Amino acid sequence: MLELMLAATSEAGEAHADPTALGLDPTQWVALSMIAILALFIWKKVPAAVGKALDKKIDGIRAQLAEAESLRKDAESLKAEYEAKSRAAEGEAAAMVERAQAEAKAIVAKAKTDAKSLVERRQRMAEDKIAAEERAAIAEIRATTAKAATAAAARLVASKHDAGSDKKLIDQAIAVL
């Protein structure tokens, strides 16, 4: 549509004038102002200031990178240290487990020997007690038997001996002496 309008105005023969100021058209004014701004930047040493600012920024970034590298090395050394400590702790834990197992075996073995010796000691004590009871029972049976025999002998002697036979026995005993 715009083309039709342009075509219509150019066919009509109307002349169109471009704006100018002091003999310069808008494109020339833009170029002139850009040259003035660039000259002002160069005169005020803006590129050097920008370069210095960029150099400072670069130096800051380099310092941050160096610090980051230093921190990374510190972190790696700490990691290695803790890994070594972890391995040492694992070794200590394994050693502790082994010691505990050895101690447990020793305790079990000692408990077995103690129990065995206790059983043997109690068995000996029981056997000794049984033997003592047997001796006491045998002594009691002997004592009872002796009493019974003495009583029976006394009754027998009393029933078969009288005063005359006792006198005769006494006389024989005295003669032997």
N, C-alpha and C. Protein backbone atom coordinates (compact mmCIF):
# COMPACT_ATOMS: atom_id res chain seq x y z
N MET A 1 0.80 -1.17 0.00
CA MET A 1 0.00 0.00 0.00
C MET A 1 0.86 1.25 0.00
N LEU A 2 1.91 1.22 0.77
CA LEU A 2 2.82 2.36 0.81
C LEU A 2 3.45 2.58 -0.55
N GLU A 3 3.73 1.53 -1.25
CA GLU A 3 4.33 1.65 -2.58
C GLU A 3 3.39 2.35 -3.56
N LEU A 4 2.14 2.05 -3.39
CA LEU A 4 1.17 2.70 -4.27
C LEU A 4 1.12 4.20 -4.00
N MET A 5 1.22 4.56 -2.75
CA MET A 5 1.17 5.98 -2.42
C MET A 5 2.43 6.68 -2.91
N LEU A 6 3.55 6.04 -2.77
CA LEU A 6 4.78 6.65 -3.25
C LEU A 6 4.77 6.77 -4.77
N ALA A 7 4.25 5.73 -5.36
CA ALA A 7 4.17 5.76 -6.82
C ALA A 7 3.22 6.86 -7.28
N ALA A 8 2.16 7.06 -6.54
CA ALA A 8 1.19 8.08 -6.90
C ALA A 8 1.77 9.47 -6.71
N THR A 9 2.53 9.70 -5.66
CA THR A 9 3.08 11.03 -5.43
C THR A 9 4.22 11.32 -6.39
N SER A 10 5.00 10.31 -6.75
CA SER A 10 6.08 10.58 -7.68
C SER A 10 5.54 10.79 -9.08
N GLU A 11 4.43 10.20 -9.40
CA GLU A 11 3.83 10.40 -10.71
C GLU A 11 3.18 11.77 -10.78
N ALA A 12 2.73 12.20 -9.64
CA ALA A 12 2.08 13.50 -9.66
C ALA A 12 3.10 14.58 -9.87
N GLY A 13 4.34 14.28 -9.63
CA GLY A 13 5.38 15.24 -9.92
C GLY A 13 5.66 16.17 -8.78
N GLU A 14 5.20 15.83 -7.68
CA GLU A 14 5.46 16.71 -6.56
C GLU A 14 6.91 16.54 -6.14
N ALA A 15 7.52 17.56 -5.84
CA ALA A 15 8.91 17.50 -5.42
C ALA A 15 8.95 17.47 -3.90
N HIS A 16 9.83 16.69 -3.43
CA HIS A 16 9.95 16.51 -1.98
C HIS A 16 11.32 17.00 -1.55
N ALA A 17 11.37 17.83 -0.53
CA ALA A 17 12.64 18.42 -0.13
C ALA A 17 13.12 17.77 1.16
N ASP A 18 14.45 17.44 1.25
CA ASP A 18 15.02 16.85 2.47
C ASP A 18 15.38 17.98 3.42
N PRO A 19 15.20 17.75 4.74
CA PRO A 19 15.53 18.80 5.70
C PRO A 19 17.04 18.96 5.81
N THR A 20 17.50 20.18 5.98
CA THR A 20 18.92 20.47 6.16
C THR A 20 19.06 21.57 7.18
N ALA A 21 20.23 21.60 7.84
CA ALA A 21 20.52 22.68 8.77
C ALA A 21 21.97 23.04 8.55
N LEU A 22 22.23 24.27 8.33
CA LEU A 22 23.54 24.79 8.02
C LEU A 22 24.15 24.02 6.86
N GLY A 23 23.35 23.59 6.00
CA GLY A 23 23.80 22.93 4.79
C GLY A 23 24.11 21.45 5.00
N LEU A 24 23.77 20.89 6.14
CA LEU A 24 24.05 19.47 6.40
C LEU A 24 22.74 18.72 6.57
N ASP A 25 22.70 17.58 5.94
CA ASP A 25 21.48 16.77 6.10
C ASP A 25 21.58 15.96 7.41
N PRO A 26 20.52 15.25 7.83
CA PRO A 26 20.53 14.53 9.12
C PRO A 26 21.64 13.47 9.21
N THR A 27 21.98 12.79 8.17
CA THR A 27 23.03 11.78 8.20
C THR A 27 24.37 12.45 8.49
N GLN A 28 24.63 13.59 7.89
CA GLN A 28 25.88 14.29 8.12
C GLN A 28 25.94 14.82 9.55
N TRP A 29 24.81 15.28 10.09
CA TRP A 29 24.78 15.74 11.47
C TRP A 29 25.07 14.58 12.44
N VAL A 30 24.54 13.42 12.18
CA VAL A 30 24.80 12.24 13.04
C VAL A 30 26.28 11.90 12.98
N ALA A 31 26.86 11.90 11.80
CA ALA A 31 28.28 11.59 11.66
C ALA A 31 29.12 12.62 12.38
N LEU A 32 28.77 13.93 12.23
CA LEU A 32 29.51 14.99 12.90
C LEU A 32 29.42 14.86 14.42
N SER A 33 28.24 14.53 14.95
CA SER A 33 28.10 14.40 16.41
C SER A 33 28.87 13.17 16.91
N MET A 34 28.91 12.09 16.15
CA MET A 34 29.69 10.92 16.53
C MET A 34 31.18 11.25 16.57
N ILE A 35 31.64 12.02 15.58
CA ILE A 35 33.05 12.42 15.56
C ILE A 35 33.35 13.30 16.76
N ALA A 36 32.43 14.19 17.13
CA ALA A 36 32.63 15.09 18.27
C ALA A 36 32.67 14.27 19.57
N ILE A 37 31.78 13.32 19.69
CA ILE A 37 31.75 12.49 20.91
C ILE A 37 33.02 11.65 21.01
N LEU A 38 33.46 11.07 19.91
CA LEU A 38 34.69 10.29 19.92
C LEU A 38 35.89 11.17 20.25
N ALA A 39 35.92 12.39 19.70
CA ALA A 39 37.02 13.31 20.00
C ALA A 39 37.00 13.69 21.48
N LEU A 40 35.80 13.90 22.02
CA LEU A 40 35.66 14.23 23.44
C LEU A 40 36.14 13.05 24.30
N PHE A 41 35.79 11.83 23.93
CA PHE A 41 36.24 10.63 24.66
C PHE A 41 37.76 10.53 24.65
N ILE A 42 38.35 10.78 23.49
CA ILE A 42 39.80 10.69 23.37
C ILE A 42 40.46 11.81 24.15
N TRP A 43 39.91 13.03 24.07
CA TRP A 43 40.46 14.18 24.79
C TRP A 43 40.39 13.97 26.30
N LYS A 44 39.31 13.39 26.82
CA LYS A 44 39.14 13.13 28.26
C LYS A 44 39.80 11.80 28.67
N LYS A 45 40.45 11.15 27.75
CA LYS A 45 41.18 9.89 27.99
C LYS A 45 40.25 8.80 28.53
N VAL A 46 39.07 8.71 27.98
CA VAL A 46 38.10 7.70 28.38
C VAL A 46 38.60 6.29 28.03
N PRO A 47 39.20 6.08 26.84
CA PRO A 47 39.68 4.72 26.56
C PRO A 47 40.74 4.26 27.56
N ALA A 48 41.60 5.19 28.01
CA ALA A 48 42.62 4.82 28.99
C ALA A 48 41.95 4.50 30.33
N ALA A 49 40.94 5.30 30.70
CA ALA A 49 40.22 5.06 31.95
C ALA A 49 39.47 3.72 31.88
N VAL A 50 38.86 3.46 30.72
CA VAL A 50 38.17 2.18 30.55
C VAL A 50 39.18 1.04 30.60
N GLY A 51 40.33 1.24 29.97
CA GLY A 51 41.39 0.22 30.01
C GLY A 51 41.86 -0.03 31.43
N LYS A 52 42.06 1.10 32.19
CA LYS A 52 42.49 0.95 33.58
C LYS A 52 41.42 0.22 34.39
N ALA A 53 40.17 0.58 34.19
CA ALA A 53 39.08 -0.08 34.92
C ALA A 53 39.03 -1.57 34.56
N LEU A 54 39.19 -1.85 33.28
CA LEU A 54 39.20 -3.25 32.86
C LEU A 54 40.42 -3.98 33.42
N ASP A 55 41.59 -3.30 33.45
CA ASP A 55 42.77 -3.91 34.02
C ASP A 55 42.57 -4.21 35.52
N LYS A 56 41.94 -3.24 36.24
CA LYS A 56 41.65 -3.47 37.65
C LYS A 56 40.70 -4.66 37.82
N LYS A 57 39.71 -4.70 36.96
CA LYS A 57 38.75 -5.81 37.02
C LYS A 57 39.46 -7.13 36.72
N ILE A 58 40.35 -7.11 35.73
CA ILE A 58 41.11 -8.32 35.38
C ILE A 58 42.00 -8.73 36.55
N ASP A 59 42.67 -7.74 37.17
CA ASP A 59 43.53 -8.05 38.33
C ASP A 59 42.69 -8.63 39.48
N GLY A 60 41.50 -8.05 39.70
CA GLY A 60 40.60 -8.57 40.74
C GLY A 60 40.18 -10.00 40.45
N ILE A 61 39.86 -10.26 39.19
CA ILE A 61 39.47 -11.62 38.79
C ILE A 61 40.64 -12.57 38.95
N ARG A 62 41.85 -12.10 38.57
CA ARG A 62 43.04 -12.95 38.75
C ARG A 62 43.27 -13.26 40.23
N ALA A 63 43.10 -12.23 41.08
CA ALA A 63 43.27 -12.44 42.53
C ALA A 63 42.23 -13.43 43.04
N GLN A 64 40.99 -13.30 42.56
CA GLN A 64 39.95 -14.24 42.98
C GLN A 64 40.27 -15.65 42.49
N LEU A 65 40.79 -15.75 41.27
CA LEU A 65 41.17 -17.07 40.74
C LEU A 65 42.31 -17.67 41.56
N ALA A 66 43.29 -16.82 41.91
CA ALA A 66 44.41 -17.32 42.73
C ALA A 66 43.90 -17.77 44.11
N GLU A 67 43.01 -16.97 44.69
CA GLU A 67 42.42 -17.35 45.99
C GLU A 67 41.61 -18.64 45.86
N ALA A 68 40.85 -18.73 44.78
CA ALA A 68 40.06 -19.95 44.55
C ALA A 68 40.99 -21.16 44.39
N GLU A 69 42.09 -20.98 43.68
CA GLU A 69 43.06 -22.07 43.50
C GLU A 69 43.67 -22.46 44.85
N SER A 70 44.00 -21.43 45.65
CA SER A 70 44.54 -21.69 46.99
C SER A 70 43.52 -22.44 47.84
N LEU A 71 42.27 -22.00 47.80
CA LEU A 71 41.22 -22.68 48.56
C LEU A 71 41.01 -24.11 48.07
N ARG A 72 41.10 -24.30 46.76
CA ARG A 72 40.94 -25.64 46.19
C ARG A 72 42.06 -26.55 46.69
N LYS A 73 43.31 -26.02 46.71
CA LYS A 73 44.43 -26.82 47.20
C LYS A 73 44.25 -27.14 48.69
N ASP A 74 43.80 -26.13 49.47
CA ASP A 74 43.54 -26.38 50.89
C ASP A 74 42.46 -27.44 51.07
N ALA A 75 41.41 -27.33 50.27
CA ALA A 75 40.32 -28.31 50.35
C ALA A 75 40.81 -29.70 49.98
N GLU A 76 41.66 -29.78 48.95
CA GLU A 76 42.20 -31.09 48.56
C GLU A 76 43.09 -31.67 49.66
N SER A 77 43.90 -30.81 50.28
CA SER A 77 44.76 -31.31 51.36
C SER A 77 43.91 -31.75 52.56
N LEU A 78 42.86 -30.98 52.88
CA LEU A 78 41.97 -31.38 53.96
C LEU A 78 41.26 -32.69 53.62
N LYS A 79 40.85 -32.80 52.38
CA LYS A 79 40.18 -34.04 51.96
C LYS A 79 41.13 -35.22 52.10
N ALA A 80 42.36 -35.05 51.65
CA ALA A 80 43.34 -36.13 51.76
C ALA A 80 43.61 -36.46 53.24
N GLU A 81 43.70 -35.41 54.06
CA GLU A 81 43.93 -35.62 55.48
C GLU A 81 42.78 -36.41 56.11
N TYR A 82 41.55 -36.01 55.79
CA TYR A 82 40.40 -36.70 56.37
C TYR A 82 40.23 -38.11 55.81
N GLU A 83 40.61 -38.30 54.56
CA GLU A 83 40.58 -39.65 54.01
C GLU A 83 41.59 -40.53 54.74
N ALA A 84 42.77 -39.96 55.02
CA ALA A 84 43.78 -40.72 55.76
C ALA A 84 43.29 -41.02 57.18
N LYS A 85 42.67 -40.02 57.81
CA LYS A 85 42.12 -40.24 59.14
C LYS A 85 41.02 -41.29 59.10
N SER A 86 40.20 -41.24 58.06
CA SER A 86 39.12 -42.23 57.92
C SER A 86 39.69 -43.63 57.76
N ARG A 87 40.73 -43.75 56.92
CA ARG A 87 41.36 -45.07 56.75
C ARG A 87 41.97 -45.54 58.07
N ALA A 88 42.62 -44.61 58.79
CA ALA A 88 43.22 -44.97 60.08
C ALA A 88 42.13 -45.39 61.06
N ALA A 89 41.02 -44.66 61.07
CA ALA A 89 39.93 -45.01 61.98
C ALA A 89 39.34 -46.37 61.62
N GLU A 90 39.23 -46.65 60.32
CA GLU A 90 38.74 -47.96 59.90
C GLU A 90 39.70 -49.06 60.35
N GLY A 91 41.00 -48.78 60.23
CA GLY A 91 42.00 -49.75 60.68
C GLY A 91 41.91 -49.96 62.19
N GLU A 92 41.76 -48.86 62.93
CA GLU A 92 41.63 -48.96 64.38
C GLU A 92 40.37 -49.73 64.75
N ALA A 93 39.28 -49.45 64.04
CA ALA A 93 38.03 -50.15 64.33
C ALA A 93 38.19 -51.65 64.07
N ALA A 94 38.85 -51.99 62.97
CA ALA A 94 39.08 -53.41 62.67
C ALA A 94 39.96 -54.05 63.74
N ALA A 95 40.98 -53.32 64.18
CA ALA A 95 41.85 -53.84 65.24
C ALA A 95 41.08 -54.01 66.54
N MET A 96 40.22 -53.04 66.84
CA MET A 96 39.41 -53.14 68.05
C MET A 96 38.48 -54.35 67.99
N VAL A 97 37.89 -54.59 66.82
CA VAL A 97 37.01 -55.74 66.66
C VAL A 97 37.80 -57.03 66.86
N GLU A 98 38.99 -57.08 66.26
CA GLU A 98 39.82 -58.27 66.42
C GLU A 98 40.21 -58.49 67.89
N ARG A 99 40.60 -57.39 68.57
CA ARG A 99 40.95 -57.50 69.98
C ARG A 99 39.75 -57.96 70.80
N ALA A 100 38.59 -57.39 70.49
CA ALA A 100 37.38 -57.77 71.23
C ALA A 100 37.05 -59.24 71.00
N GLN A 101 37.20 -59.70 69.76
CA GLN A 101 36.94 -61.11 69.48
C GLN A 101 37.95 -62.00 70.21
N ALA A 102 39.21 -61.60 70.20
CA ALA A 102 40.23 -62.38 70.91
C ALA A 102 39.95 -62.40 72.41
N GLU A 103 39.58 -61.23 72.96
CA GLU A 103 39.25 -61.16 74.38
C GLU A 103 38.03 -62.02 74.69
N ALA A 104 37.04 -61.98 73.81
CA ALA A 104 35.83 -62.78 74.03
C ALA A 104 36.19 -64.27 74.01
N LYS A 105 37.05 -64.68 73.07
CA LYS A 105 37.46 -66.08 73.02
C LYS A 105 38.22 -66.45 74.29
N ALA A 106 39.09 -65.54 74.73
CA ALA A 106 39.85 -65.81 75.95
C ALA A 106 38.92 -65.91 77.16
N ILE A 107 37.94 -65.04 77.22
CA ILE A 107 36.99 -65.05 78.34
C ILE A 107 36.19 -66.35 78.31
N VAL A 108 35.75 -66.76 77.11
CA VAL A 108 34.99 -68.00 76.98
C VAL A 108 35.86 -69.19 77.40
N ALA A 109 37.11 -69.20 76.94
CA ALA A 109 38.02 -70.30 77.30
C ALA A 109 38.26 -70.32 78.80
N LYS A 110 38.48 -69.13 79.40
CA LYS A 110 38.70 -69.06 80.85
C LYS A 110 37.45 -69.49 81.59
N ALA A 111 36.28 -69.07 81.09
CA ALA A 111 35.03 -69.46 81.74
C ALA A 111 34.85 -70.98 81.67
N LYS A 112 35.21 -71.58 80.54
CA LYS A 112 35.11 -73.03 80.42
C LYS A 112 36.03 -73.73 81.40
N THR A 113 37.29 -73.27 81.47
CA THR A 113 38.23 -73.90 82.40
C THR A 113 37.80 -73.67 83.84
N ASP A 114 37.32 -72.44 84.15
CA ASP A 114 36.84 -72.16 85.51
C ASP A 114 35.65 -73.04 85.84
N ALA A 115 34.72 -73.17 84.90
CA ALA A 115 33.54 -74.00 85.13
C ALA A 115 33.95 -75.46 85.32
N LYS A 116 34.88 -75.91 84.50
CA LYS A 116 35.35 -77.29 84.60
C LYS A 116 36.02 -77.52 85.95
N SER A 117 36.89 -76.59 86.36
CA SER A 117 37.56 -76.75 87.65
C SER A 117 36.56 -76.65 88.79
N LEU A 118 35.55 -75.78 88.66
CA LEU A 118 34.52 -75.66 89.68
C LEU A 118 33.74 -76.97 89.80
N VAL A 119 33.37 -77.54 88.64
CA VAL A 119 32.64 -78.81 88.65
C VAL A 119 33.49 -79.90 89.29
N GLU A 120 34.77 -79.94 88.92
CA GLU A 120 35.66 -80.95 89.50
C GLU A 120 35.80 -80.75 91.00
N ARG A 121 35.96 -79.50 91.42
CA ARG A 121 36.10 -79.20 92.84
C ARG A 121 34.83 -79.57 93.61
N ARG A 122 33.69 -79.24 93.06
CA ARG A 122 32.42 -79.57 93.72
C ARG A 122 32.20 -81.08 93.73
N GLN A 123 32.62 -81.72 92.64
CA GLN A 123 32.48 -83.19 92.58
C GLN A 123 33.36 -83.82 93.67
N ARG A 124 34.60 -83.33 93.80
CA ARG A 124 35.49 -83.84 94.85
C ARG A 124 34.91 -83.58 96.22
N MET A 125 34.36 -82.36 96.40
CA MET A 125 33.75 -82.03 97.69
C MET A 125 32.57 -82.97 97.97
N ALA A 126 31.75 -83.22 96.94
CA ALA A 126 30.60 -84.12 97.13
C ALA A 126 31.09 -85.55 97.43
N GLU A 127 32.11 -85.98 96.68
CA GLU A 127 32.66 -87.32 96.94
C GLU A 127 33.25 -87.40 98.34
N ASP A 128 33.97 -86.36 98.77
CA ASP A 128 34.53 -86.33 100.11
C ASP A 128 33.42 -86.36 101.16
N LYS A 129 32.36 -85.60 100.90
CA LYS A 129 31.25 -85.55 101.83
C LYS A 129 30.56 -86.91 101.90
N ILE A 130 30.37 -87.52 100.72
CA ILE A 130 29.76 -88.86 100.68
C ILE A 130 30.64 -89.86 101.43
N ALA A 131 31.97 -89.80 101.20
CA ALA A 131 32.90 -90.70 101.90
C ALA A 131 32.84 -90.47 103.40
N ALA A 132 32.78 -89.21 103.83
CA ALA A 132 32.69 -88.89 105.26
C ALA A 132 31.40 -89.42 105.84
N GLU A 133 30.31 -89.26 105.08
CA GLU A 133 29.02 -89.77 105.54
C GLU A 133 29.06 -91.29 105.64
N GLU A 134 29.70 -91.93 104.64
CA GLU A 134 29.83 -93.39 104.67
C GLU A 134 30.62 -93.82 105.90
N ARG A 135 31.76 -93.11 106.16
CA ARG A 135 32.58 -93.45 107.33
C ARG A 135 31.78 -93.24 108.62
N ALA A 136 31.02 -92.15 108.65
CA ALA A 136 30.22 -91.87 109.84
C ALA A 136 29.14 -92.95 110.01
N ALA A 137 28.53 -93.34 108.89
CA ALA A 137 27.48 -94.37 108.96
C ALA A 137 28.09 -95.69 109.40
N ILE A 138 29.25 -96.03 108.84
CA ILE A 138 29.92 -97.28 109.22
C ILE A 138 30.31 -97.23 110.69
N ALA A 139 30.83 -96.08 111.15
CA ALA A 139 31.21 -95.94 112.56
C ALA A 139 29.98 -96.08 113.45
N GLU A 140 28.87 -95.47 113.01
CA GLU A 140 27.63 -95.55 113.79
C GLU A 140 27.12 -96.99 113.83
N ILE A 141 27.20 -97.66 112.64
CA ILE A 141 26.76 -99.06 112.59
C ILE A 141 27.66 -99.90 113.49
N ARG A 142 28.95 -99.63 113.47
CA ARG A 142 29.87 -100.38 114.33
C ARG A 142 29.57 -100.13 115.81
N ALA A 143 29.33 -98.86 116.10
CA ALA A 143 29.03 -98.52 117.50
C ALA A 143 27.74 -99.20 117.94
N THR A 144 26.73 -99.16 117.07
CA THR A 144 25.45 -99.80 117.39
C THR A 144 25.64 -101.30 117.52
N THR A 145 26.42 -101.86 116.59
CA THR A 145 26.69 -103.30 116.63
C THR A 145 27.45 -103.67 117.89
N ALA A 146 28.43 -102.84 118.25
CA ALA A 146 29.22 -103.10 119.47
C ALA A 146 28.33 -103.04 120.69
N LYS A 147 27.44 -102.06 120.74
CA LYS A 147 26.53 -101.92 121.88
C LYS A 147 25.62 -103.15 121.96
N ALA A 148 25.11 -103.52 120.75
CA ALA A 148 24.20 -104.68 120.73
C ALA A 148 24.97 -105.94 121.14
N ALA A 149 26.18 -106.09 120.65
CA ALA A 149 26.99 -107.27 120.99
C ALA A 149 27.33 -107.26 122.48
N THR A 150 27.66 -106.10 123.00
CA THR A 150 28.00 -105.99 124.41
C THR A 150 26.78 -106.33 125.27
N ALA A 151 25.66 -105.80 124.84
CA ALA A 151 24.43 -106.07 125.59
C ALA A 151 24.09 -107.55 125.53
N ALA A 152 24.22 -108.12 124.33
CA ALA A 152 23.92 -109.55 124.18
C ALA A 152 24.91 -110.38 124.98
N ALA A 153 26.19 -110.01 124.95
CA ALA A 153 27.20 -110.74 125.70
C ALA A 153 26.95 -110.62 127.20
N ALA A 154 26.54 -109.43 127.64
CA ALA A 154 26.27 -109.22 129.05
C ALA A 154 25.09 -110.07 129.47
N ARG A 155 24.07 -110.14 128.65
CA ARG A 155 22.92 -110.97 128.98
C ARG A 155 23.30 -112.44 129.00
N LEU A 156 24.12 -112.81 128.00
CA LEU A 156 24.56 -114.20 127.91
C LEU A 156 25.42 -114.57 129.11
N VAL A 157 26.34 -113.70 129.46
CA VAL A 157 27.23 -113.96 130.59
C VAL A 157 26.39 -113.98 131.86
N ALA A 158 25.45 -113.07 131.95
CA ALA A 158 24.64 -112.99 133.17
C ALA A 158 23.76 -114.23 133.29
N SER A 159 23.31 -114.74 132.19
CA SER A 159 22.43 -115.90 132.27
C SER A 159 23.21 -117.18 132.50
N LYS A 160 24.45 -117.31 132.06
CA LYS A 160 25.20 -118.56 132.19
C LYS A 160 26.19 -118.54 133.35
N HIS A 161 26.51 -117.44 133.87
CA HIS A 161 27.50 -117.41 134.96
C HIS A 161 26.80 -117.01 136.24
N ASP A 162 27.26 -117.67 137.22
CA ASP A 162 26.77 -117.32 138.55
C ASP A 162 27.95 -116.88 139.39
N ALA A 163 27.80 -116.71 140.71
CA ALA A 163 28.85 -116.20 141.56
C ALA A 163 29.99 -117.20 141.69
N GLY A 164 29.75 -118.45 141.66
CA GLY A 164 30.78 -119.46 141.80
C GLY A 164 31.66 -119.53 140.58
N SER A 165 31.08 -119.47 139.45
CA SER A 165 31.87 -119.52 138.23
C SER A 165 32.66 -118.23 138.07
N ASP A 166 32.11 -117.13 138.57
CA ASP A 166 32.84 -115.85 138.50
C ASP A 166 34.09 -115.93 139.39
N LYS A 167 33.97 -116.55 140.55
CA LYS A 167 35.08 -116.64 141.48
C LYS A 167 36.18 -117.49 140.87
N LYS A 168 35.80 -118.56 140.21
CA LYS A 168 36.75 -119.44 139.60
C LYS A 168 37.50 -118.70 138.49
N LEU A 169 36.81 -117.90 137.69
CA LEU A 169 37.43 -117.14 136.60
C LEU A 169 38.38 -116.08 137.17
N ILE A 170 38.02 -115.46 138.23
CA ILE A 170 38.84 -114.45 138.86
C ILE A 170 40.10 -115.07 139.40
N ASP A 171 39.99 -116.20 139.99
CA ASP A 171 41.16 -116.88 140.55
C ASP A 171 42.11 -117.27 139.43
N GLN A 172 41.61 -117.71 138.31
CA GLN A 172 42.44 -118.10 137.18
C GLN A 172 43.16 -116.86 136.63
N ALA A 173 42.47 -115.77 136.56
CA ALA A 173 43.06 -114.55 136.04
C ALA A 173 44.15 -114.07 136.95
N ILE A 174 44.00 -114.19 138.27
CA ILE A 174 44.99 -113.74 139.22
C ILE A 174 46.21 -114.67 139.15
N ALA A 175 45.99 -115.91 138.93
CA ALA A 175 47.09 -116.87 138.87
C ALA A 175 47.93 -116.61 137.63
N VAL A 176 47.32 -116.21 136.61
CA VAL A 176 48.04 -115.93 135.36
C VAL A 176 48.91 -114.71 135.57
N LEU A 177 48.51 -113.85 136.35
CA LEU A 177 49.26 -112.63 136.58
C LEU A 177 50.40 -112.93 137.52
